[in-house]
N, C-alpha and C. Protein backbone atom coordinates (compact mmCIF):
# COMPACT_ATOMS: atom_id res chain seq x y z
N UNK A 1 100.19 125.68 64.80
CA UNK A 1 100.89 124.49 64.33
C UNK A 1 101.70 123.89 65.54
N UNK A 2 102.33 124.76 66.35
CA UNK A 2 103.18 124.31 67.41
C UNK A 2 102.27 123.61 68.50
N UNK A 3 101.10 124.08 68.70
CA UNK A 3 100.14 123.46 69.66
C UNK A 3 99.84 122.11 69.24
N UNK A 4 99.65 121.84 67.91
CA UNK A 4 99.42 120.48 67.42
C UNK A 4 100.65 119.61 67.78
N UNK A 5 101.84 120.12 67.63
CA UNK A 5 103.02 119.39 67.93
C UNK A 5 103.09 118.93 69.34
N UNK A 6 102.67 119.85 70.28
CA UNK A 6 102.64 119.56 71.73
C UNK A 6 101.55 118.54 71.95
N UNK A 7 100.41 118.67 71.32
CA UNK A 7 99.36 117.71 71.45
C UNK A 7 99.82 116.29 71.08
N UNK A 8 100.46 116.19 69.93
CA UNK A 8 100.92 114.90 69.41
C UNK A 8 102.07 114.38 70.35
N UNK A 9 102.94 115.18 70.83
CA UNK A 9 103.99 114.80 71.72
C UNK A 9 103.46 114.32 73.08
N UNK A 10 102.37 114.94 73.48
CA UNK A 10 101.76 114.54 74.73
C UNK A 10 101.18 113.11 74.65
N UNK A 11 100.59 112.82 73.51
CA UNK A 11 100.10 111.43 73.33
C UNK A 11 101.17 110.47 73.23
N UNK A 12 102.21 110.75 72.48
CA UNK A 12 103.36 109.85 72.26
C UNK A 12 104.07 109.56 73.63
N UNK A 13 104.40 110.67 74.36
CA UNK A 13 105.07 110.53 75.58
C UNK A 13 104.18 109.77 76.65
N UNK A 14 102.92 110.03 76.63
CA UNK A 14 102.08 109.25 77.52
C UNK A 14 102.05 107.75 77.27
N UNK A 15 102.02 107.40 75.99
CA UNK A 15 102.04 106.04 75.63
C UNK A 15 103.36 105.37 76.08
N UNK A 16 104.53 106.03 75.83
CA UNK A 16 105.79 105.45 76.24
C UNK A 16 105.94 105.39 77.77
N UNK A 17 105.49 106.42 78.46
CA UNK A 17 105.62 106.45 79.89
C UNK A 17 104.68 105.35 80.51
N UNK A 18 103.48 105.20 79.96
CA UNK A 18 102.59 104.25 80.49
C UNK A 18 103.18 102.81 80.21
N UNK A 19 103.72 102.61 79.03
CA UNK A 19 104.37 101.28 78.73
C UNK A 19 105.54 101.06 79.72
N UNK A 20 106.34 102.03 79.96
CA UNK A 20 107.46 101.85 80.94
C UNK A 20 106.93 101.60 82.36
N UNK A 21 105.87 102.34 82.71
CA UNK A 21 105.24 102.06 84.03
C UNK A 21 104.77 100.64 84.05
N UNK A 22 104.15 100.11 83.03
CA UNK A 22 103.67 98.76 83.02
C UNK A 22 104.75 97.75 83.16
N UNK A 23 105.84 97.98 82.45
CA UNK A 23 107.01 97.11 82.55
C UNK A 23 107.56 97.02 83.99
N UNK A 24 107.80 98.20 84.65
CA UNK A 24 108.32 98.24 85.92
C UNK A 24 107.33 97.64 86.96
N UNK A 25 106.03 98.05 86.75
CA UNK A 25 104.96 97.61 87.62
C UNK A 25 104.90 96.04 87.56
N UNK A 26 104.89 95.48 86.41
CA UNK A 26 104.83 94.04 86.31
C UNK A 26 106.04 93.30 86.75
N UNK A 27 107.22 93.89 86.67
CA UNK A 27 108.45 93.34 87.19
C UNK A 27 108.34 93.24 88.74
N UNK A 28 107.83 94.31 89.38
CA UNK A 28 107.68 94.32 90.81
C UNK A 28 106.65 93.32 91.25
N UNK A 29 105.51 93.28 90.53
CA UNK A 29 104.41 92.37 90.90
C UNK A 29 104.77 90.93 90.62
N UNK A 30 105.56 90.68 89.59
CA UNK A 30 106.06 89.34 89.33
C UNK A 30 106.89 88.82 90.52
N UNK A 31 107.67 89.75 91.11
CA UNK A 31 108.55 89.38 92.23
C UNK A 31 107.67 89.03 93.43
N UNK A 32 106.47 89.59 93.61
CA UNK A 32 105.56 89.25 94.72
C UNK A 32 104.81 87.97 94.37
N UNK A 33 104.33 87.81 93.18
CA UNK A 33 103.52 86.58 92.87
C UNK A 33 103.79 86.14 91.42
N UNK A 34 104.79 85.28 91.18
CA UNK A 34 104.98 84.77 89.84
C UNK A 34 103.75 84.06 89.32
N UNK A 35 102.98 83.40 90.29
CA UNK A 35 101.78 82.69 89.86
C UNK A 35 100.71 83.61 89.22
N UNK A 36 100.70 84.85 89.54
CA UNK A 36 99.72 85.77 88.95
C UNK A 36 99.97 85.82 87.43
N UNK A 37 101.19 85.65 87.05
CA UNK A 37 101.52 85.69 85.58
C UNK A 37 101.41 84.29 85.05
N UNK A 38 102.01 83.36 85.69
CA UNK A 38 102.10 82.03 85.16
C UNK A 38 100.71 81.30 85.02
N UNK A 39 99.84 81.66 85.96
CA UNK A 39 98.51 81.03 86.00
C UNK A 39 97.43 81.95 85.54
N UNK A 40 97.74 83.17 85.22
CA UNK A 40 96.70 84.08 84.81
C UNK A 40 97.10 84.91 83.58
N UNK A 41 98.02 85.84 83.76
CA UNK A 41 98.39 86.74 82.69
C UNK A 41 98.91 86.12 81.41
N UNK A 42 99.75 85.06 81.57
CA UNK A 42 100.27 84.33 80.35
C UNK A 42 99.08 83.89 79.53
N UNK A 43 98.12 83.24 80.14
CA UNK A 43 96.93 82.78 79.41
C UNK A 43 96.08 83.92 78.89
N UNK A 44 95.93 85.01 79.59
CA UNK A 44 95.21 86.13 79.16
C UNK A 44 95.78 86.74 77.91
N UNK A 45 97.07 86.82 77.82
CA UNK A 45 97.76 87.31 76.64
C UNK A 45 98.15 86.30 75.60
N UNK A 46 97.94 85.01 75.95
CA UNK A 46 98.28 83.95 74.97
C UNK A 46 99.78 83.65 74.82
N UNK A 47 100.54 83.92 75.91
CA UNK A 47 101.99 83.75 75.89
C UNK A 47 102.37 82.55 76.67
N UNK A 48 103.59 82.00 76.31
CA UNK A 48 104.27 80.94 77.09
C UNK A 48 105.44 81.68 77.81
N UNK A 49 105.92 81.07 78.86
CA UNK A 49 106.99 81.73 79.64
C UNK A 49 108.21 82.08 78.77
N UNK A 50 108.45 81.31 77.78
CA UNK A 50 109.60 81.48 76.86
C UNK A 50 109.29 82.35 75.59
N UNK A 51 108.03 82.86 75.54
CA UNK A 51 107.59 83.63 74.35
C UNK A 51 108.62 84.73 73.97
N UNK A 52 109.22 85.37 74.95
CA UNK A 52 110.11 86.46 74.66
C UNK A 52 111.52 86.20 75.33
N UNK A 53 111.79 84.96 75.58
CA UNK A 53 113.16 84.63 76.14
C UNK A 53 113.17 84.13 77.53
N UNK A 54 112.12 84.29 78.24
CA UNK A 54 112.09 83.86 79.63
C UNK A 54 111.00 84.63 80.40
N UNK A 55 110.80 84.23 81.64
CA UNK A 55 109.78 84.87 82.44
C UNK A 55 109.78 86.36 82.51
N UNK A 56 110.94 86.91 82.91
CA UNK A 56 111.13 88.37 83.09
C UNK A 56 110.83 89.18 81.80
N UNK A 57 111.33 88.68 80.67
CA UNK A 57 111.13 89.35 79.40
C UNK A 57 109.60 89.26 78.96
N UNK A 58 109.02 88.12 79.19
CA UNK A 58 107.63 87.92 78.81
C UNK A 58 106.75 88.83 79.76
N UNK A 59 107.06 88.89 80.99
CA UNK A 59 106.37 89.77 81.93
C UNK A 59 106.46 91.27 81.48
N UNK A 60 107.74 91.60 81.04
CA UNK A 60 107.92 92.99 80.56
C UNK A 60 107.05 93.28 79.40
N UNK A 61 106.94 92.36 78.41
CA UNK A 61 106.01 92.57 77.30
C UNK A 61 104.62 92.69 77.70
N UNK A 62 104.20 91.83 78.66
CA UNK A 62 102.80 91.84 79.14
C UNK A 62 102.59 93.25 79.83
N UNK A 63 103.55 93.71 80.58
CA UNK A 63 103.45 94.99 81.28
C UNK A 63 103.26 96.15 80.23
N UNK A 64 103.98 96.15 79.17
CA UNK A 64 103.85 97.15 78.13
C UNK A 64 102.46 97.06 77.47
N UNK A 65 102.10 95.85 77.07
CA UNK A 65 100.83 95.65 76.37
C UNK A 65 99.66 95.98 77.22
N UNK A 66 99.77 95.79 78.50
CA UNK A 66 98.63 96.02 79.39
C UNK A 66 98.45 97.51 79.65
N UNK A 67 99.43 98.33 79.38
CA UNK A 67 99.32 99.71 79.82
C UNK A 67 99.46 100.76 78.68
N UNK A 68 100.04 100.45 77.51
CA UNK A 68 100.27 101.41 76.52
C UNK A 68 98.97 102.15 76.12
N UNK A 69 97.89 101.41 76.07
CA UNK A 69 96.58 101.89 75.63
C UNK A 69 96.06 102.88 76.68
N UNK A 70 96.39 102.66 77.95
CA UNK A 70 95.95 103.61 79.04
C UNK A 70 96.72 104.94 78.80
N UNK A 71 98.02 104.82 78.39
CA UNK A 71 98.76 106.04 78.05
C UNK A 71 98.14 106.79 76.86
N UNK A 72 97.66 106.02 75.90
CA UNK A 72 97.01 106.60 74.72
C UNK A 72 95.79 107.45 75.19
N UNK A 73 94.98 106.89 76.07
CA UNK A 73 93.82 107.62 76.54
C UNK A 73 94.22 108.86 77.39
N UNK A 74 95.20 108.61 78.22
CA UNK A 74 95.67 109.71 79.10
C UNK A 74 96.21 110.82 78.15
N UNK A 75 97.02 110.48 77.19
CA UNK A 75 97.60 111.49 76.28
C UNK A 75 96.54 112.27 75.55
N UNK A 76 95.60 111.60 75.06
CA UNK A 76 94.45 112.21 74.29
C UNK A 76 93.72 113.18 75.20
N UNK A 77 93.38 112.77 76.36
CA UNK A 77 92.58 113.60 77.26
C UNK A 77 93.39 114.79 77.70
N UNK A 78 94.61 114.61 78.15
CA UNK A 78 95.50 115.68 78.60
C UNK A 78 95.81 116.58 77.40
N UNK A 79 96.06 116.03 76.24
CA UNK A 79 96.33 116.78 75.07
C UNK A 79 95.26 117.72 74.72
N UNK A 80 94.01 117.18 74.66
CA UNK A 80 92.85 118.03 74.34
C UNK A 80 92.66 119.09 75.44
N UNK A 81 92.79 118.72 76.70
CA UNK A 81 92.61 119.60 77.82
C UNK A 81 93.55 120.78 77.71
N UNK A 82 94.81 120.53 77.36
CA UNK A 82 95.78 121.62 77.42
C UNK A 82 95.68 122.51 76.15
N UNK A 83 94.82 122.13 75.21
CA UNK A 83 94.58 123.00 74.06
C UNK A 83 93.93 124.35 74.50
N UNK A 84 93.41 124.35 75.73
CA UNK A 84 92.82 125.59 76.27
C UNK A 84 93.87 126.62 76.60
N UNK A 85 95.08 126.21 76.78
CA UNK A 85 96.22 127.15 77.06
C UNK A 85 96.53 128.02 75.82
N UNK A 86 96.97 129.21 76.07
CA UNK A 86 97.13 130.21 74.93
C UNK A 86 98.25 129.92 73.99
N UNK A 87 99.31 129.27 74.39
CA UNK A 87 100.35 129.02 73.50
C UNK A 87 101.07 127.67 73.77
N UNK A 88 101.94 127.26 72.91
CA UNK A 88 102.56 125.97 72.94
C UNK A 88 103.47 125.83 74.15
N UNK A 89 104.12 126.86 74.66
CA UNK A 89 104.98 126.81 75.84
C UNK A 89 104.16 126.46 77.07
N UNK A 90 103.09 127.23 77.33
CA UNK A 90 102.26 126.94 78.45
C UNK A 90 101.55 125.57 78.35
N UNK A 91 101.22 125.24 77.15
CA UNK A 91 100.57 123.92 76.88
C UNK A 91 101.57 122.80 77.27
N UNK A 92 102.78 122.92 76.83
CA UNK A 92 103.79 121.86 77.10
C UNK A 92 104.02 121.78 78.58
N UNK A 93 104.16 122.88 79.27
CA UNK A 93 104.32 122.87 80.75
C UNK A 93 103.19 122.19 81.44
N UNK A 94 102.00 122.58 81.03
CA UNK A 94 100.70 121.97 81.61
C UNK A 94 100.64 120.47 81.33
N UNK A 95 100.98 120.12 80.11
CA UNK A 95 100.88 118.66 79.78
C UNK A 95 101.87 117.80 80.66
N UNK A 96 103.04 118.36 80.85
CA UNK A 96 104.04 117.71 81.66
C UNK A 96 103.52 117.51 83.10
N UNK A 97 102.90 118.61 83.66
CA UNK A 97 102.39 118.52 84.99
C UNK A 97 101.16 117.57 85.07
N UNK A 98 100.34 117.65 84.03
CA UNK A 98 99.19 116.76 84.02
C UNK A 98 99.58 115.25 83.97
N UNK A 99 100.54 114.92 83.11
CA UNK A 99 101.01 113.55 83.02
C UNK A 99 101.59 113.12 84.38
N UNK A 100 102.29 114.02 84.98
CA UNK A 100 102.94 113.74 86.27
C UNK A 100 101.92 113.42 87.36
N UNK A 101 100.84 114.16 87.37
CA UNK A 101 99.73 113.88 88.38
C UNK A 101 99.19 112.52 88.15
N UNK A 102 98.90 112.15 86.83
CA UNK A 102 98.36 110.81 86.60
C UNK A 102 99.29 109.69 87.07
N UNK A 103 100.58 109.81 86.77
CA UNK A 103 101.50 108.70 87.19
C UNK A 103 101.74 108.65 88.66
N UNK A 104 101.84 109.80 89.32
CA UNK A 104 102.01 109.79 90.78
C UNK A 104 100.83 109.15 91.42
N UNK A 105 99.65 109.59 90.94
CA UNK A 105 98.37 108.96 91.52
C UNK A 105 98.29 107.47 91.27
N UNK A 106 98.72 107.02 90.11
CA UNK A 106 98.68 105.63 89.92
C UNK A 106 99.67 104.81 90.77
N UNK A 107 100.83 105.38 91.02
CA UNK A 107 101.80 104.72 91.90
C UNK A 107 101.25 104.68 93.36
N UNK A 108 100.68 105.82 93.86
CA UNK A 108 100.14 105.80 95.16
C UNK A 108 98.96 104.86 95.29
N UNK A 109 98.14 104.74 94.35
CA UNK A 109 97.00 103.81 94.39
C UNK A 109 97.47 102.42 94.32
N UNK A 110 98.57 102.14 93.50
CA UNK A 110 99.03 100.80 93.40
C UNK A 110 99.61 100.37 94.79
N UNK A 111 100.22 101.26 95.54
CA UNK A 111 100.76 101.00 96.86
C UNK A 111 99.59 100.74 97.77
N UNK A 112 98.53 101.53 97.71
CA UNK A 112 97.31 101.28 98.54
C UNK A 112 96.77 99.93 98.22
N UNK A 113 96.69 99.58 96.94
CA UNK A 113 96.26 98.19 96.50
C UNK A 113 97.09 97.17 97.15
N UNK A 114 98.38 97.40 97.18
CA UNK A 114 99.29 96.42 97.87
C UNK A 114 98.91 96.21 99.32
N UNK A 115 98.75 97.35 100.01
CA UNK A 115 98.39 97.27 101.43
C UNK A 115 97.08 96.58 101.59
N UNK A 116 96.03 96.96 100.83
CA UNK A 116 94.68 96.37 100.99
C UNK A 116 94.72 94.91 100.67
N UNK A 117 95.46 94.57 99.62
CA UNK A 117 95.57 93.11 99.19
C UNK A 117 96.30 92.29 100.25
N UNK A 118 97.38 92.78 100.69
CA UNK A 118 98.27 92.06 101.61
C UNK A 118 97.55 91.91 103.00
N UNK A 119 97.03 92.98 103.50
CA UNK A 119 96.55 92.98 104.94
C UNK A 119 95.08 92.92 105.07
N UNK A 120 94.27 92.96 104.03
CA UNK A 120 92.87 92.83 104.18
C UNK A 120 92.27 91.70 103.24
N UNK A 121 92.45 91.89 101.98
CA UNK A 121 91.81 90.93 101.00
C UNK A 121 92.32 89.50 101.13
N UNK A 122 93.60 89.39 101.35
CA UNK A 122 94.23 88.07 101.50
C UNK A 122 93.71 87.36 102.71
N UNK A 123 93.26 88.13 103.71
CA UNK A 123 92.71 87.52 104.92
C UNK A 123 91.20 87.23 104.86
N UNK A 124 90.46 88.11 104.11
CA UNK A 124 88.97 87.99 104.10
C UNK A 124 88.56 87.22 102.90
N UNK A 125 89.37 87.15 101.88
CA UNK A 125 88.98 86.44 100.63
C UNK A 125 88.44 87.44 99.61
N UNK A 126 88.35 86.96 98.41
CA UNK A 126 87.80 87.80 97.28
C UNK A 126 86.76 87.07 96.53
N UNK A 127 86.01 87.80 95.78
CA UNK A 127 84.98 87.15 94.89
C UNK A 127 85.47 87.07 93.41
N UNK A 128 86.75 87.30 93.19
CA UNK A 128 87.26 87.21 91.82
C UNK A 128 87.59 85.73 91.58
N UNK A 129 87.74 85.47 90.25
CA UNK A 129 88.27 84.14 89.83
C UNK A 129 89.63 83.91 90.36
N UNK A 130 89.87 82.82 90.94
CA UNK A 130 91.24 82.43 91.31
C UNK A 130 91.55 81.02 90.67
N UNK A 131 92.68 80.94 90.10
CA UNK A 131 93.00 79.68 89.39
C UNK A 131 93.17 78.55 90.46
N UNK A 132 92.84 77.33 90.00
CA UNK A 132 93.04 76.19 90.86
C UNK A 132 94.51 75.89 90.99
N UNK A 133 94.82 75.33 92.19
CA UNK A 133 96.23 74.88 92.40
C UNK A 133 97.22 76.00 92.76
N UNK A 134 96.64 77.10 93.29
CA UNK A 134 97.59 78.17 93.67
C UNK A 134 98.41 77.67 94.83
N UNK A 135 99.71 77.93 94.79
CA UNK A 135 100.63 77.61 95.86
C UNK A 135 100.58 78.73 96.88
N UNK A 136 100.57 80.02 96.42
CA UNK A 136 100.51 81.10 97.35
C UNK A 136 99.34 82.03 96.98
N UNK A 137 98.19 81.72 97.48
CA UNK A 137 96.95 82.42 97.21
C UNK A 137 97.03 83.86 97.69
N UNK A 138 97.61 84.14 98.83
CA UNK A 138 97.69 85.48 99.40
C UNK A 138 98.46 86.39 98.54
N UNK A 139 99.58 85.87 97.97
CA UNK A 139 100.38 86.78 97.04
C UNK A 139 99.68 87.04 95.75
N UNK A 140 98.91 86.01 95.32
CA UNK A 140 98.13 86.14 94.05
C UNK A 140 97.09 87.30 94.26
N UNK A 141 96.40 87.21 95.40
CA UNK A 141 95.38 88.22 95.66
C UNK A 141 96.01 89.54 95.86
N UNK A 142 97.12 89.68 96.51
CA UNK A 142 97.83 90.95 96.78
C UNK A 142 98.13 91.62 95.39
N UNK A 143 98.73 90.77 94.45
CA UNK A 143 99.07 91.31 93.14
C UNK A 143 97.82 91.70 92.32
N UNK A 144 96.78 90.94 92.46
CA UNK A 144 95.56 91.32 91.79
C UNK A 144 95.06 92.70 92.32
N UNK A 145 95.14 92.87 93.59
CA UNK A 145 94.70 94.15 94.19
C UNK A 145 95.61 95.26 93.73
N UNK A 146 96.94 95.06 93.66
CA UNK A 146 97.83 96.09 93.10
C UNK A 146 97.45 96.43 91.74
N UNK A 147 97.23 95.48 90.82
CA UNK A 147 96.86 95.73 89.48
C UNK A 147 95.59 96.55 89.35
N UNK A 148 94.53 96.10 90.08
CA UNK A 148 93.24 96.79 90.06
C UNK A 148 93.39 98.24 90.53
N UNK A 149 94.03 98.41 91.64
CA UNK A 149 94.22 99.78 92.17
C UNK A 149 95.04 100.67 91.31
N UNK A 150 96.03 100.13 90.62
CA UNK A 150 96.84 100.86 89.71
C UNK A 150 96.06 101.52 88.57
N UNK A 151 95.16 100.68 88.03
CA UNK A 151 94.22 101.15 86.99
C UNK A 151 93.25 102.25 87.49
N UNK A 152 92.74 101.92 88.71
CA UNK A 152 91.93 102.91 89.36
C UNK A 152 92.61 104.23 89.58
N UNK A 153 93.86 104.17 90.10
CA UNK A 153 94.68 105.32 90.24
C UNK A 153 94.92 106.13 89.01
N UNK A 154 95.10 105.39 87.91
CA UNK A 154 95.29 106.08 86.60
C UNK A 154 94.04 106.89 86.24
N UNK A 155 92.84 106.26 86.41
CA UNK A 155 91.62 106.93 86.08
C UNK A 155 91.41 108.16 87.05
N UNK A 156 91.60 107.99 88.27
CA UNK A 156 91.43 109.07 89.27
C UNK A 156 92.46 110.16 89.05
N UNK A 157 93.63 109.71 88.69
CA UNK A 157 94.77 110.68 88.42
C UNK A 157 94.41 111.54 87.14
N UNK A 158 93.82 110.88 86.19
CA UNK A 158 93.42 111.59 84.99
C UNK A 158 92.38 112.65 85.29
N UNK A 159 91.42 112.27 86.07
CA UNK A 159 90.35 113.18 86.49
C UNK A 159 90.99 114.42 87.33
N UNK A 160 91.84 114.05 88.31
CA UNK A 160 92.50 115.12 88.99
C UNK A 160 93.34 115.99 88.13
N UNK A 161 94.00 115.39 87.16
CA UNK A 161 94.84 116.13 86.24
C UNK A 161 94.00 117.16 85.39
N UNK A 162 92.91 116.65 84.96
CA UNK A 162 92.05 117.59 84.09
C UNK A 162 91.51 118.77 84.99
N UNK A 163 91.04 118.43 86.19
CA UNK A 163 90.65 119.45 87.13
C UNK A 163 91.79 120.45 87.35
N UNK A 164 92.97 119.94 87.71
CA UNK A 164 94.07 120.79 87.97
C UNK A 164 94.43 121.73 86.77
N UNK A 165 94.44 121.11 85.56
CA UNK A 165 94.75 121.83 84.35
C UNK A 165 93.76 122.93 84.04
N UNK A 166 92.49 122.69 84.34
CA UNK A 166 91.45 123.72 84.11
C UNK A 166 91.53 124.86 85.13
N UNK A 167 91.77 124.47 86.41
CA UNK A 167 91.96 125.48 87.47
C UNK A 167 93.17 126.31 87.14
N UNK A 168 94.29 125.66 86.81
CA UNK A 168 95.51 126.29 86.54
C UNK A 168 95.40 127.23 85.34
N UNK A 169 94.62 126.81 84.36
CA UNK A 169 94.39 127.71 83.19
C UNK A 169 93.68 128.94 83.59
N UNK A 170 92.64 128.86 84.38
CA UNK A 170 91.97 130.05 84.87
C UNK A 170 92.91 130.93 85.62
N UNK A 171 93.75 130.42 86.48
CA UNK A 171 94.76 131.17 87.26
C UNK A 171 95.66 131.82 86.27
N UNK A 172 96.14 131.11 85.24
CA UNK A 172 97.05 131.66 84.23
C UNK A 172 96.44 132.84 83.54
N UNK A 173 95.20 132.70 83.10
CA UNK A 173 94.52 133.82 82.45
C UNK A 173 94.36 135.08 83.35
N UNK A 174 93.95 134.80 84.57
CA UNK A 174 93.84 135.88 85.54
C UNK A 174 95.15 136.58 85.76
N UNK A 175 96.16 135.89 85.91
CA UNK A 175 97.54 136.41 86.13
C UNK A 175 98.01 137.24 85.01
N UNK A 176 97.77 136.79 83.74
CA UNK A 176 98.24 137.48 82.58
C UNK A 176 97.36 138.66 82.18
N UNK A 177 96.05 138.65 82.54
CA UNK A 177 95.21 139.72 82.24
C UNK A 177 95.42 140.89 83.15
N UNK A 178 95.94 140.71 84.40
CA UNK A 178 96.24 141.74 85.32
C UNK A 178 97.56 142.42 84.99
N UNK A 179 98.37 141.79 84.19
CA UNK A 179 99.67 142.39 83.78
C UNK A 179 99.56 143.31 82.61
N UNK A 180 98.45 143.36 81.95
CA UNK A 180 98.31 144.16 80.70
C UNK A 180 97.90 145.60 81.03
């Protein structure tokens, strides 16, 4: 029963952390390219700048809505993976590490996306849709790259996390079987 509690908590915490990540992520990227939101994300989500009191508040809501579901998937996968651990304490510790791996990887990939967008894609151009009338095309492309790479980082981080958790579980079992 305690393992189910850890499983449920892993999902809940992953959703909340992913939502917070999205809020912070979109605040940072809004600072780089407000047009990414005003000419793309607002329409994608069906919001007006004043939908939640102003640009920053609306961007925060978009950030949460764009990422909570990623947290749900992360939580489910990590939660199921950690069920291989023998007890709720080791499962909780493993879940925490697994979630940490995903979020660190997403941040690192987001930064790589920034560098690639700023110093390569904005110079060479992209084959994505770009809205007409952009005032700062390079910043828009940079933020698009950050967003794409952050999602990619979340996926790669989840894969790395599962691998780590399985390897760590085998190490845990070997360590505890030699102590008996």
